[in-house]
Protein backbone atom coordinates (compact mmCIF):
# COMPACT_ATOMS: atom_id res chain seq x y z
CA UNK A 1 0.00 0.00 0.00
CA UNK A 2 1.52 3.30 -1.09
CA UNK A 3 -0.79 5.58 0.85
CA UNK A 4 -1.73 6.07 4.49
CA UNK A 5 -5.02 5.04 6.13
CA UNK A 6 -6.01 6.63 9.46
CA UNK A 7 -8.97 5.42 11.54
CA UNK A 8 -10.43 7.92 14.02
CA UNK A 9 -13.19 7.59 16.61
CA UNK A 10 -13.28 3.80 16.75
CA UNK A 11 -11.85 0.65 15.27
CA UNK A 12 -12.32 -1.11 11.96
CA UNK A 13 -11.24 -4.58 10.89
CA UNK A 14 -8.67 -4.90 8.12
CA UNK A 15 -11.44 -6.24 5.87
CA UNK A 16 -13.51 -3.08 6.44
CA UNK A 17 -10.49 -0.88 5.75
CA UNK A 18 -9.79 -2.83 2.54
CA UNK A 19 -13.41 -2.29 1.44
CA UNK A 20 -13.10 1.48 1.95
CA UNK A 21 -9.86 1.46 -0.05
CA UNK A 22 -11.64 -0.51 -2.80
CA UNK A 23 -14.48 2.05 -2.74
CA UNK A 24 -11.99 4.91 -3.08
CA UNK A 25 -10.21 3.21 -5.99
CA UNK A 26 -13.52 2.53 -7.71
CA UNK A 27 -14.65 6.13 -7.25
CA UNK A 28 -11.41 7.93 -8.15
CA UNK A 29 -9.49 5.44 -10.29
CA UNK A 30 -7.37 2.41 -9.57
CA UNK A 31 -4.14 4.40 -9.23
CA UNK A 32 -4.20 6.59 -6.12
CA UNK A 33 -1.56 9.24 -5.41
CA UNK A 34 1.29 8.04 -3.18
CA UNK A 35 0.92 11.04 -0.86
CA UNK A 36 -2.78 10.37 -0.27
CA UNK A 37 -4.08 9.83 3.26
CA UNK A 38 -7.50 8.19 3.60
CA UNK A 39 -9.14 9.22 6.87
CA UNK A 40 -11.94 6.96 8.12
CA UNK A 41 -13.93 8.61 10.93
CA UNK A 42 -16.13 6.10 12.77
CA UNK A 43 -19.38 7.71 13.96
CA UNK A 44 -21.54 4.97 15.47
CA UNK A 45 -22.85 2.88 12.58
CA UNK A 46 -21.48 5.31 9.99
CA UNK A 47 -18.00 5.88 8.61
CA UNK A 48 -17.12 9.23 7.07
CA UNK A 49 -14.39 9.09 4.45
CA UNK A 50 -12.18 12.12 3.89
CA UNK A 51 -8.95 12.49 1.99
CA UNK A 52 -5.83 14.55 2.57
CA UNK A 53 -5.27 16.24 0.23
CA UNK A 54 -8.95 16.39 -0.78
CA UNK A 55 -9.72 14.22 -3.80
CA UNK A 56 -11.25 15.92 -6.79
CA UNK A 57 -12.69 14.11 -9.73
CA UNK A 58 -11.93 15.44 -13.14
CA UNK A 59 -11.97 13.83 -16.53
CA UNK A 60 -9.89 15.07 -19.40
CA UNK A 61 -10.59 14.07 -22.97
CA UNK A 62 -7.93 14.35 -25.64
CA UNK A 63 -8.60 12.60 -28.94
CA UNK A 64 -10.05 9.30 -27.84
CA UNK A 65 -8.29 9.22 -24.45
CA UNK A 66 -10.35 9.66 -21.28
CA UNK A 67 -8.18 9.97 -18.18
CA UNK A 68 -8.64 11.37 -14.68
CA UNK A 69 -5.21 13.03 -14.59
CA UNK A 70 -3.43 14.85 -17.42
CA UNK A 71 -0.15 13.49 -16.04
CA UNK A 72 -1.10 10.17 -17.63
CA UNK A 73 -0.98 11.67 -21.13
CA UNK A 74 2.15 11.50 -23.26
CA UNK A 75 3.82 14.78 -24.28
CA UNK A 76 1.95 15.25 -27.55
CA UNK A 77 -1.47 14.45 -26.07
CA UNK A 78 -0.72 16.77 -23.13
CA UNK A 79 0.13 19.59 -25.55
CA UNK A 80 -3.07 18.88 -27.48
CA UNK A 81 -5.06 19.03 -24.23
CA UNK A 82 -3.51 22.40 -23.36
CA UNK A 83 -4.50 23.78 -26.77
CA UNK A 84 -8.16 22.82 -26.39
CA UNK A 85 -10.76 25.43 -25.46
CA UNK A 86 -12.87 24.11 -22.55
CA UNK A 87 -16.66 23.99 -22.73
CA UNK A 88 -18.47 26.50 -20.56
CA UNK A 89 -21.42 24.16 -19.99
PDB file of N, CA and C in Angstrom:
ATOM      1  N   UNK A   1       0.860  -1.174   0.000  1.00  0.00           N
ATOM      2  CA  UNK A   1       0.000   0.000   0.000  1.00  0.00           C
ATOM      3  C   UNK A   1       0.905   1.236   0.000  1.00  0.00           C
ATOM      4  N   UNK A   2       0.669   2.132  -0.942  1.00  0.00           N
ATOM      5  CA  UNK A   2       1.524   3.301  -1.088  1.00  0.00           C
ATOM      6  C   UNK A   2       0.952   4.541  -0.411  1.00  0.00           C
ATOM      7  N   UNK A   3      -0.180   4.425   0.217  1.00  0.00           N
ATOM      8  CA  UNK A   3      -0.789   5.582   0.849  1.00  0.00           C
ATOM      9  C   UNK A   3      -1.134   5.224   2.287  1.00  0.00           C
ATOM     10  N   UNK A   4      -1.484   6.235   3.063  1.00  0.00           N
ATOM     11  CA  UNK A   4      -1.726   6.067   4.492  1.00  0.00           C
ATOM     12  C   UNK A   4      -3.223   6.004   4.766  1.00  0.00           C
ATOM     13  N   UNK A   5      -3.627   5.131   5.696  1.00  0.00           N
ATOM     14  CA  UNK A   5      -5.016   5.042   6.133  1.00  0.00           C
ATOM     15  C   UNK A   5      -5.040   5.312   7.634  1.00  0.00           C
ATOM     16  N   UNK A   6      -5.864   6.286   8.048  1.00  0.00           N
ATOM     17  CA  UNK A   6      -6.015   6.629   9.458  1.00  0.00           C
ATOM     18  C   UNK A   6      -7.451   6.383   9.876  1.00  0.00           C
ATOM     19  N   UNK A   7      -7.634   5.676  10.992  1.00  0.00           N
ATOM     20  CA  UNK A   7      -8.970   5.422  11.535  1.00  0.00           C
ATOM     21  C   UNK A   7      -9.121   6.255  12.801  1.00  0.00           C
ATOM     22  N   UNK A   8     -10.177   7.061  12.853  1.00  0.00           N
ATOM     23  CA  UNK A   8     -10.433   7.923  14.016  1.00  0.00           C
ATOM     24  C   UNK A   8     -11.788   7.582  14.621  1.00  0.00           C
ATOM     25  N   UNK A   9     -11.905   7.723  15.934  1.00  0.00           N
ATOM     26  CA  UNK A   9     -13.185   7.590  16.609  1.00  0.00           C
ATOM     27  C   UNK A   9     -13.681   6.173  16.810  1.00  0.00           C
ATOM     28  N   UNK A  10     -12.856   5.187  16.578  1.00  0.00           N
ATOM     29  CA  UNK A  10     -13.284   3.799  16.747  1.00  0.00           C
ATOM     30  C   UNK A  10     -12.286   2.856  16.104  1.00  0.00           C
ATOM     31  N   UNK A  11     -12.717   1.635  15.909  1.00  0.00           N
ATOM     32  CA  UNK A  11     -11.849   0.647  15.275  1.00  0.00           C
ATOM     33  C   UNK A  11     -12.574   0.011  14.095  1.00  0.00           C
ATOM     34  N   UNK A  12     -11.802  -0.401  13.126  1.00  0.00           N
ATOM     35  CA  UNK A  12     -12.322  -1.108  11.957  1.00  0.00           C
ATOM     36  C   UNK A  12     -11.442  -2.320  11.714  1.00  0.00           C
ATOM     37  N   UNK A  13     -12.032  -3.400  11.241  1.00  0.00           N
ATOM     38  CA  UNK A  13     -11.242  -4.577  10.890  1.00  0.00           C
ATOM     39  C   UNK A  13     -10.471  -4.283   9.602  1.00  0.00           C
ATOM     40  N   UNK A  14      -9.452  -5.082   9.349  1.00  0.00           N
ATOM     41  CA  UNK A  14      -8.671  -4.898   8.122  1.00  0.00           C
ATOM     42  C   UNK A  14      -9.553  -5.107   6.896  1.00  0.00           C
ATOM     43  N   UNK A  15     -10.518  -6.010   6.994  1.00  0.00           N
ATOM     44  CA  UNK A  15     -11.435  -6.245   5.870  1.00  0.00           C
ATOM     45  C   UNK A  15     -12.256  -4.991   5.570  1.00  0.00           C
ATOM     46  N   UNK A  16     -12.755  -4.318   6.633  1.00  0.00           N
ATOM     47  CA  UNK A  16     -13.511  -3.081   6.438  1.00  0.00           C
ATOM     48  C   UNK A  16     -12.638  -1.995   5.814  1.00  0.00           C
ATOM     49  N   UNK A  17     -11.414  -1.874   6.303  1.00  0.00           N
ATOM     50  CA  UNK A  17     -10.487  -0.880   5.752  1.00  0.00           C
ATOM     51  C   UNK A  17     -10.236  -1.167   4.274  1.00  0.00           C
ATOM     52  N   UNK A  18     -10.022  -2.446   3.938  1.00  0.00           N
ATOM     53  CA  UNK A  18      -9.794  -2.828   2.540  1.00  0.00           C
ATOM     54  C   UNK A  18     -10.999  -2.475   1.659  1.00  0.00           C
ATOM     55  N   UNK A  19     -12.208  -2.635   2.199  1.00  0.00           N
ATOM     56  CA  UNK A  19     -13.413  -2.286   1.439  1.00  0.00           C
ATOM     57  C   UNK A  19     -13.486  -0.779   1.180  1.00  0.00           C
ATOM     58  N   UNK A  20     -13.101   0.034   2.160  1.00  0.00           N
ATOM     59  CA  UNK A  20     -13.102   1.483   1.952  1.00  0.00           C
ATOM     60  C   UNK A  20     -12.021   1.899   0.951  1.00  0.00           C
ATOM     61  N   UNK A  21     -10.896   1.208   0.956  1.00  0.00           N
ATOM     62  CA  UNK A  21      -9.859   1.463  -0.047  1.00  0.00           C
ATOM     63  C   UNK A  21     -10.385   1.081  -1.429  1.00  0.00           C
ATOM     64  N   UNK A  22     -11.048  -0.069  -1.533  1.00  0.00           N
ATOM     65  CA  UNK A  22     -11.640  -0.505  -2.799  1.00  0.00           C
ATOM     66  C   UNK A  22     -12.648   0.524  -3.295  1.00  0.00           C
ATOM     67  N   UNK A  23     -13.494   1.030  -2.386  1.00  0.00           N
ATOM     68  CA  UNK A  23     -14.482   2.053  -2.737  1.00  0.00           C
ATOM     69  C   UNK A  23     -13.792   3.300  -3.289  1.00  0.00           C
ATOM     70  N   UNK A  24     -12.724   3.725  -2.636  1.00  0.00           N
ATOM     71  CA  UNK A  24     -11.986   4.909  -3.082  1.00  0.00           C
ATOM     72  C   UNK A  24     -11.386   4.685  -4.464  1.00  0.00           C
ATOM     73  N   UNK A  25     -10.789   3.518  -4.680  1.00  0.00           N
ATOM     74  CA  UNK A  25     -10.206   3.210  -5.990  1.00  0.00           C
ATOM     75  C   UNK A  25     -11.272   3.164  -7.073  1.00  0.00           C
ATOM     76  N   UNK A  26     -12.435   2.607  -6.733  1.00  0.00           N
ATOM     77  CA  UNK A  26     -13.525   2.527  -7.706  1.00  0.00           C
ATOM     78  C   UNK A  26     -14.038   3.923  -8.051  1.00  0.00           C
ATOM     79  N   UNK A  27     -14.111   4.792  -7.049  1.00  0.00           N
ATOM     80  CA  UNK A  27     -14.645   6.125  -7.255  1.00  0.00           C
ATOM     81  C   UNK A  27     -13.668   7.049  -7.982  1.00  0.00           C
ATOM     82  N   UNK A  28     -12.384   6.975  -7.642  1.00  0.00           N
ATOM     83  CA  UNK A  28     -11.407   7.928  -8.155  1.00  0.00           C
ATOM     84  C   UNK A  28     -10.395   7.330  -9.121  1.00  0.00           C
ATOM     85  N   UNK A  29     -10.443   6.068  -9.376  1.00  0.00           N
ATOM     86  CA  UNK A  29      -9.490   5.440 -10.286  1.00  0.00           C
ATOM     87  C   UNK A  29      -8.616   4.459  -9.532  1.00  0.00           C
ATOM     88  N   UNK A  30      -8.123   3.474 -10.229  1.00  0.00           N
ATOM     89  CA  UNK A  30      -7.374   2.407  -9.566  1.00  0.00           C
ATOM     90  C   UNK A  30      -6.004   2.853  -9.080  1.00  0.00           C
ATOM     91  N   UNK A  31      -5.450   3.915  -9.657  1.00  0.00           N
ATOM     92  CA  UNK A  31      -4.142   4.403  -9.230  1.00  0.00           C
ATOM     93  C   UNK A  31      -4.357   5.625  -8.347  1.00  0.00           C
ATOM     94  N   UNK A  32      -4.048   5.478  -7.068  1.00  0.00           N
ATOM     95  CA  UNK A  32      -4.201   6.587  -6.125  1.00  0.00           C
ATOM     96  C   UNK A  32      -2.850   7.247  -5.901  1.00  0.00           C
ATOM     97  N   UNK A  33      -2.834   8.559  -5.652  1.00  0.00           N
ATOM     98  CA  UNK A  33      -1.559   9.244  -5.408  1.00  0.00           C
ATOM     99  C   UNK A  33      -0.836   8.669  -4.198  1.00  0.00           C
ATOM    100  N   UNK A  34       0.499   8.598  -4.270  1.00  0.00           N
ATOM    101  CA  UNK A  34       1.287   8.040  -3.178  1.00  0.00           C
ATOM    102  C   UNK A  34       1.157   8.862  -1.904  1.00  0.00           C
ATOM    103  N   UNK A  35       0.977  10.158  -2.026  1.00  0.00           N
ATOM    104  CA  UNK A  35       0.923  11.041  -0.862  1.00  0.00           C
ATOM    105  C   UNK A  35      -0.474  11.117  -0.248  1.00  0.00           C
ATOM    106  N   UNK A  36      -1.406  10.319  -0.738  1.00  0.00           N
ATOM    107  CA  UNK A  36      -2.782  10.366  -0.270  1.00  0.00           C
ATOM    108  C   UNK A  36      -2.905   9.759   1.125  1.00  0.00           C
ATOM    109  N   UNK A  37      -3.702  10.400   1.964  1.00  0.00           N
ATOM    110  CA  UNK A  37      -4.083   9.830   3.255  1.00  0.00           C
ATOM    111  C   UNK A  37      -5.599   9.673   3.252  1.00  0.00           C
ATOM    112  N   UNK A  38      -6.068   8.458   3.483  1.00  0.00           N
ATOM    113  CA  UNK A  38      -7.501   8.187   3.601  1.00  0.00           C
ATOM    114  C   UNK A  38      -7.828   8.220   5.085  1.00  0.00           C
ATOM    115  N   UNK A  39      -8.759   9.080   5.467  1.00  0.00           N
ATOM    116  CA  UNK A  39      -9.141   9.217   6.867  1.00  0.00           C
ATOM    117  C   UNK A  39     -10.547   8.644   7.035  1.00  0.00           C
ATOM    118  N   UNK A  40     -10.659   7.621   7.861  1.00  0.00           N
ATOM    119  CA  UNK A  40     -11.936   6.960   8.123  1.00  0.00           C
ATOM    120  C   UNK A  40     -12.371   7.354   9.530  1.00  0.00           C
ATOM    121  N   UNK A  41     -13.431   8.146   9.632  1.00  0.00           N
ATOM    122  CA  UNK A  41     -13.927   8.606  10.926  1.00  0.00           C
ATOM    123  C   UNK A  41     -15.167   7.803  11.296  1.00  0.00           C
ATOM    124  N   UNK A  42     -15.035   6.957  12.326  1.00  0.00           N
ATOM    125  CA  UNK A  42     -16.132   6.103  12.773  1.00  0.00           C
ATOM    126  C   UNK A  42     -17.072   6.939  13.631  1.00  0.00           C
ATOM    127  N   UNK A  43     -18.355   6.952  13.242  1.00  0.00           N
ATOM    128  CA  UNK A  43     -19.384   7.706  13.958  1.00  0.00           C
ATOM    129  C   UNK A  43     -20.576   6.781  14.173  1.00  0.00           C
ATOM    130  N   UNK A  44     -20.476   5.945  15.220  1.00  0.00           N
ATOM    131  CA  UNK A  44     -21.537   4.966  15.470  1.00  0.00           C
ATOM    132  C   UNK A  44     -21.570   3.920  14.375  1.00  0.00           C
ATOM    133  N   UNK A  45     -22.700   3.837  13.672  1.00  0.00           N
ATOM    134  CA  UNK A  45     -22.848   2.876  12.578  1.00  0.00           C
ATOM    135  C   UNK A  45     -22.370   3.427  11.238  1.00  0.00           C
ATOM    136  N   UNK A  46     -21.898   4.648  11.228  1.00  0.00           N
ATOM    137  CA  UNK A  46     -21.476   5.307   9.986  1.00  0.00           C
ATOM    138  C   UNK A  46     -19.966   5.531   9.983  1.00  0.00           C
ATOM    139  N   UNK A  47     -19.413   5.556   8.779  1.00  0.00           N
ATOM    140  CA  UNK A  47     -17.998   5.883   8.612  1.00  0.00           C
ATOM    141  C   UNK A  47     -17.905   6.993   7.580  1.00  0.00           C
ATOM    142  N   UNK A  48     -17.343   8.107   7.984  1.00  0.00           N
ATOM    143  CA  UNK A  48     -17.124   9.232   7.075  1.00  0.00           C
ATOM    144  C   UNK A  48     -15.733   9.086   6.468  1.00  0.00           C
ATOM    145  N   UNK A  49     -15.667   9.222   5.158  1.00  0.00           N
ATOM    146  CA  UNK A  49     -14.390   9.094   4.455  1.00  0.00           C
ATOM    147  C   UNK A  49     -13.954  10.484   3.997  1.00  0.00           C
ATOM    148  N   UNK A  50     -12.762  10.883   4.390  1.00  0.00           N
ATOM    149  CA  UNK A  50     -12.175  12.122   3.890  1.00  0.00           C
ATOM    150  C   UNK A  50     -10.778  11.799   3.384  1.00  0.00           C
ATOM    151  N   UNK A  51     -10.249  12.708   2.616  1.00  0.00           N
ATOM    152  CA  UNK A  51      -8.954  12.491   1.989  1.00  0.00           C
ATOM    153  C   UNK A  51      -8.071  13.706   2.218  1.00  0.00           C
ATOM    154  N   UNK A  52      -6.797  13.469   2.425  1.00  0.00           N
ATOM    155  CA  UNK A  52      -5.832  14.552   2.566  1.00  0.00           C
ATOM    156  C   UNK A  52      -4.689  14.279   1.609  1.00  0.00           C
ATOM    157  N   UNK A  53      -4.476  15.067   0.598  1.00  0.00           N
ATOM    158  CA  UNK A  53      -5.266  16.243   0.230  1.00  0.00           C
ATOM    159  C   UNK A  53      -6.624  15.811  -0.310  1.00  0.00           C
ATOM    160  N   UNK A  54      -7.609  16.735  -0.292  1.00  0.00           N
ATOM    161  CA  UNK A  54      -8.948  16.390  -0.777  1.00  0.00           C
ATOM    162  C   UNK A  54      -8.898  15.855  -2.211  1.00  0.00           C
ATOM    163  N   UNK A  55      -9.669  14.805  -2.457  1.00  0.00           N
ATOM    164  CA  UNK A  55      -9.723  14.225  -3.796  1.00  0.00           C
ATOM    165  C   UNK A  55     -10.722  15.010  -4.628  1.00  0.00           C
ATOM    166  N   UNK A  56     -10.349  15.280  -5.844  1.00  0.00           N
ATOM    167  CA  UNK A  56     -11.254  15.924  -6.789  1.00  0.00           C
ATOM    168  C   UNK A  56     -11.331  15.047  -8.013  1.00  0.00           C
ATOM    169  N   UNK A  57     -12.524  14.906  -8.530  1.00  0.00           N
ATOM    170  CA  UNK A  57     -12.694  14.109  -9.728  1.00  0.00           C
ATOM    171  C   UNK A  57     -12.705  15.031 -10.923  1.00  0.00           C
ATOM    172  N   UNK A  58     -11.931  14.705 -11.896  1.00  0.00           N
ATOM    173  CA  UNK A  58     -11.935  15.443 -13.142  1.00  0.00           C
ATOM    174  C   UNK A  58     -11.618  14.484 -14.266  1.00  0.00           C
ATOM    175  N   UNK A  59     -12.242  14.665 -15.368  1.00  0.00           N
ATOM    176  CA  UNK A  59     -11.966  13.826 -16.526  1.00  0.00           C
ATOM    177  C   UNK A  59     -11.492  14.732 -17.645  1.00  0.00           C
ATOM    178  N   UNK A  60     -10.465  14.301 -18.309  1.00  0.00           N
ATOM    179  CA  UNK A  60      -9.892  15.066 -19.398  1.00  0.00           C
ATOM    180  C   UNK A  60      -9.967  14.217 -20.653  1.00  0.00           C
ATOM    181  N   UNK A  61     -10.462  14.807 -21.727  1.00  0.00           N
ATOM    182  CA  UNK A  61     -10.587  14.074 -22.974  1.00  0.00           C
ATOM    183  C   UNK A  61      -9.669  14.704 -24.004  1.00  0.00           C
ATOM    184  N   UNK A  62      -8.822  13.891 -24.582  1.00  0.00           N
ATOM    185  CA  UNK A  62      -7.928  14.350 -25.639  1.00  0.00           C
ATOM    186  C   UNK A  62      -7.880  13.275 -26.712  1.00  0.00           C
ATOM    187  N   UNK A  63      -8.513  13.533 -27.810  1.00  0.00           N
ATOM    188  CA  UNK A  63      -8.598  12.605 -28.944  1.00  0.00           C
ATOM    189  C   UNK A  63      -8.623  11.136 -28.539  1.00  0.00           C
ATOM    190  N   UNK A  64      -9.779  10.698 -28.145  1.00  0.00           N
ATOM    191  CA  UNK A  64     -10.045   9.296 -27.841  1.00  0.00           C
ATOM    192  C   UNK A  64      -9.370   8.762 -26.587  1.00  0.00           C
ATOM    193  N   UNK A  65      -8.827   9.642 -25.732  1.00  0.00           N
ATOM    194  CA  UNK A  65      -8.290   9.222 -24.445  1.00  0.00           C
ATOM    195  C   UNK A  65      -9.110   9.894 -23.357  1.00  0.00           C
ATOM    196  N   UNK A  66      -9.626   9.115 -22.417  1.00  0.00           N
ATOM    197  CA  UNK A  66     -10.354   9.661 -21.284  1.00  0.00           C
ATOM    198  C   UNK A  66      -9.589   9.257 -20.028  1.00  0.00           C
ATOM    199  N   UNK A  67      -8.991  10.236 -19.360  1.00  0.00           N
ATOM    200  CA  UNK A  67      -8.175   9.973 -18.181  1.00  0.00           C
ATOM    201  C   UNK A  67      -8.608  10.898 -17.057  1.00  0.00           C
ATOM    202  N   UNK A  68      -8.283  10.533 -15.812  1.00  0.00           N
ATOM    203  CA  UNK A  68      -8.640  11.372 -14.681  1.00  0.00           C
ATOM    204  C   UNK A  68      -7.478  12.244 -14.219  1.00  0.00           C
ATOM    205  N   UNK A  69      -6.376  12.226 -14.955  1.00  0.00           N
ATOM    206  CA  UNK A  69      -5.208  13.029 -14.595  1.00  0.00           C
ATOM    207  C   UNK A  69      -4.403  13.283 -15.871  1.00  0.00           C
ATOM    208  N   UNK A  70      -4.172  14.553 -16.188  1.00  0.00           N
ATOM    209  CA  UNK A  70      -3.425  14.854 -17.416  1.00  0.00           C
ATOM    210  C   UNK A  70      -1.984  14.367 -17.346  1.00  0.00           C
ATOM    211  N   UNK A  71      -1.497  14.048 -16.165  1.00  0.00           N
ATOM    212  CA  UNK A  71      -0.151  13.490 -16.035  1.00  0.00           C
ATOM    213  C   UNK A  71      -0.013  12.124 -16.685  1.00  0.00           C
ATOM    214  N   UNK A  72      -1.128  11.482 -16.982  1.00  0.00           N
ATOM    215  CA  UNK A  72      -1.102  10.165 -17.630  1.00  0.00           C
ATOM    216  C   UNK A  72      -0.973  10.265 -19.146  1.00  0.00           C
ATOM    217  N   UNK A  73      -1.080  11.483 -19.686  1.00  0.00           N
ATOM    218  CA  UNK A  73      -0.981  11.669 -21.132  1.00  0.00           C
ATOM    219  C   UNK A  73       0.482  11.778 -21.549  1.00  0.00           C
ATOM    220  N   UNK A  74       0.789  11.299 -22.765  1.00  0.00           N
ATOM    221  CA  UNK A  74       2.149  11.497 -23.262  1.00  0.00           C
ATOM    222  C   UNK A  74       2.315  12.962 -23.666  1.00  0.00           C
ATOM    223  N   UNK A  75       3.510  13.363 -24.035  1.00  0.00           N
ATOM    224  CA  UNK A  75       3.817  14.782 -24.279  1.00  0.00           C
ATOM    225  C   UNK A  75       2.953  15.394 -25.372  1.00  0.00           C
ATOM    226  N   UNK A  76       2.739  14.674 -26.457  1.00  0.00           N
ATOM    227  CA  UNK A  76       1.952  15.250 -27.555  1.00  0.00           C
ATOM    228  C   UNK A  76       0.476  15.369 -27.186  1.00  0.00           C
ATOM    229  N   UNK A  77      -0.064  14.370 -26.498  1.00  0.00           N
ATOM    230  CA  UNK A  77      -1.467  14.447 -26.070  1.00  0.00           C
ATOM    231  C   UNK A  77      -1.651  15.529 -25.004  1.00  0.00           C
ATOM    232  N   UNK A  78      -0.649  15.705 -24.138  1.00  0.00           N
ATOM    233  CA  UNK A  78      -0.720  16.768 -23.130  1.00  0.00           C
ATOM    234  C   UNK A  78      -0.742  18.135 -23.803  1.00  0.00           C
ATOM    235  N   UNK A  79       0.106  18.317 -24.808  1.00  0.00           N
ATOM    236  CA  UNK A  79       0.133  19.590 -25.549  1.00  0.00           C
ATOM    237  C   UNK A  79      -1.194  19.821 -26.249  1.00  0.00           C
ATOM    238  N   UNK A  80      -1.762  18.771 -26.817  1.00  0.00           N
ATOM    239  CA  UNK A  80      -3.065  18.877 -27.476  1.00  0.00           C
ATOM    240  C   UNK A  80      -4.145  19.277 -26.470  1.00  0.00           C
ATOM    241  N   UNK A  81      -4.095  18.696 -25.268  1.00  0.00           N
ATOM    242  CA  UNK A  81      -5.064  19.027 -24.226  1.00  0.00           C
ATOM    243  C   UNK A  81      -4.940  20.504 -23.825  1.00  0.00           C
ATOM    244  N   UNK A  82      -3.722  21.004 -23.747  1.00  0.00           N
ATOM    245  CA  UNK A  82      -3.511  22.399 -23.357  1.00  0.00           C
ATOM    246  C   UNK A  82      -4.019  23.366 -24.423  1.00  0.00           C
ATOM    247  N   UNK A  83      -4.039  22.935 -25.675  1.00  0.00           N
ATOM    248  CA  UNK A  83      -4.505  23.784 -26.767  1.00  0.00           C
ATOM    249  C   UNK A  83      -6.023  23.823 -26.899  1.00  0.00           C
ATOM    250  N   UNK A  84      -6.706  22.892 -26.268  1.00  0.00           N
ATOM    251  CA  UNK A  84      -8.158  22.822 -26.394  1.00  0.00           C
ATOM    252  C   UNK A  84      -8.828  23.957 -25.617  1.00  0.00           C
ATOM    253  N   UNK A  85      -9.963  24.395 -26.131  1.00  0.00           N
ATOM    254  CA  UNK A  85     -10.758  25.429 -25.464  1.00  0.00           C
ATOM    255  C   UNK A  85     -11.853  24.707 -24.693  1.00  0.00           C
ATOM    256  N   UNK A  86     -11.902  24.873 -23.349  1.00  0.00           N
ATOM    257  CA  UNK A  86     -12.867  24.114 -22.553  1.00  0.00           C
ATOM    258  C   UNK A  86     -14.303  24.587 -22.800  1.00  0.00           C
ATOM    259  N   UNK A  87     -15.242  23.656 -22.659  1.00  0.00           N
ATOM    260  CA  UNK A  87     -16.664  23.990 -22.733  1.00  0.00           C
ATOM    261  C   UNK A  87     -17.065  24.819 -21.519  1.00  0.00           C
ATOM    262  N   UNK A  88     -18.001  25.717 -21.686  1.00  0.00           N
ATOM    263  CA  UNK A  88     -18.474  26.498 -20.561  1.00  0.00           C
ATOM    264  C   UNK A  88     -19.724  25.897 -19.945  1.00  0.00           C
ATOM    265  N   UNK A  89     -20.198  24.789 -20.497  1.00  0.00           N
ATOM    266  CA  UNK A  89     -21.421  24.159 -19.987  1.00  0.00           C
ATOM    267  C   UNK A  89     -21.111  23.368 -18.739  1.00  0.00           C
TER     268      UNK A  89
END
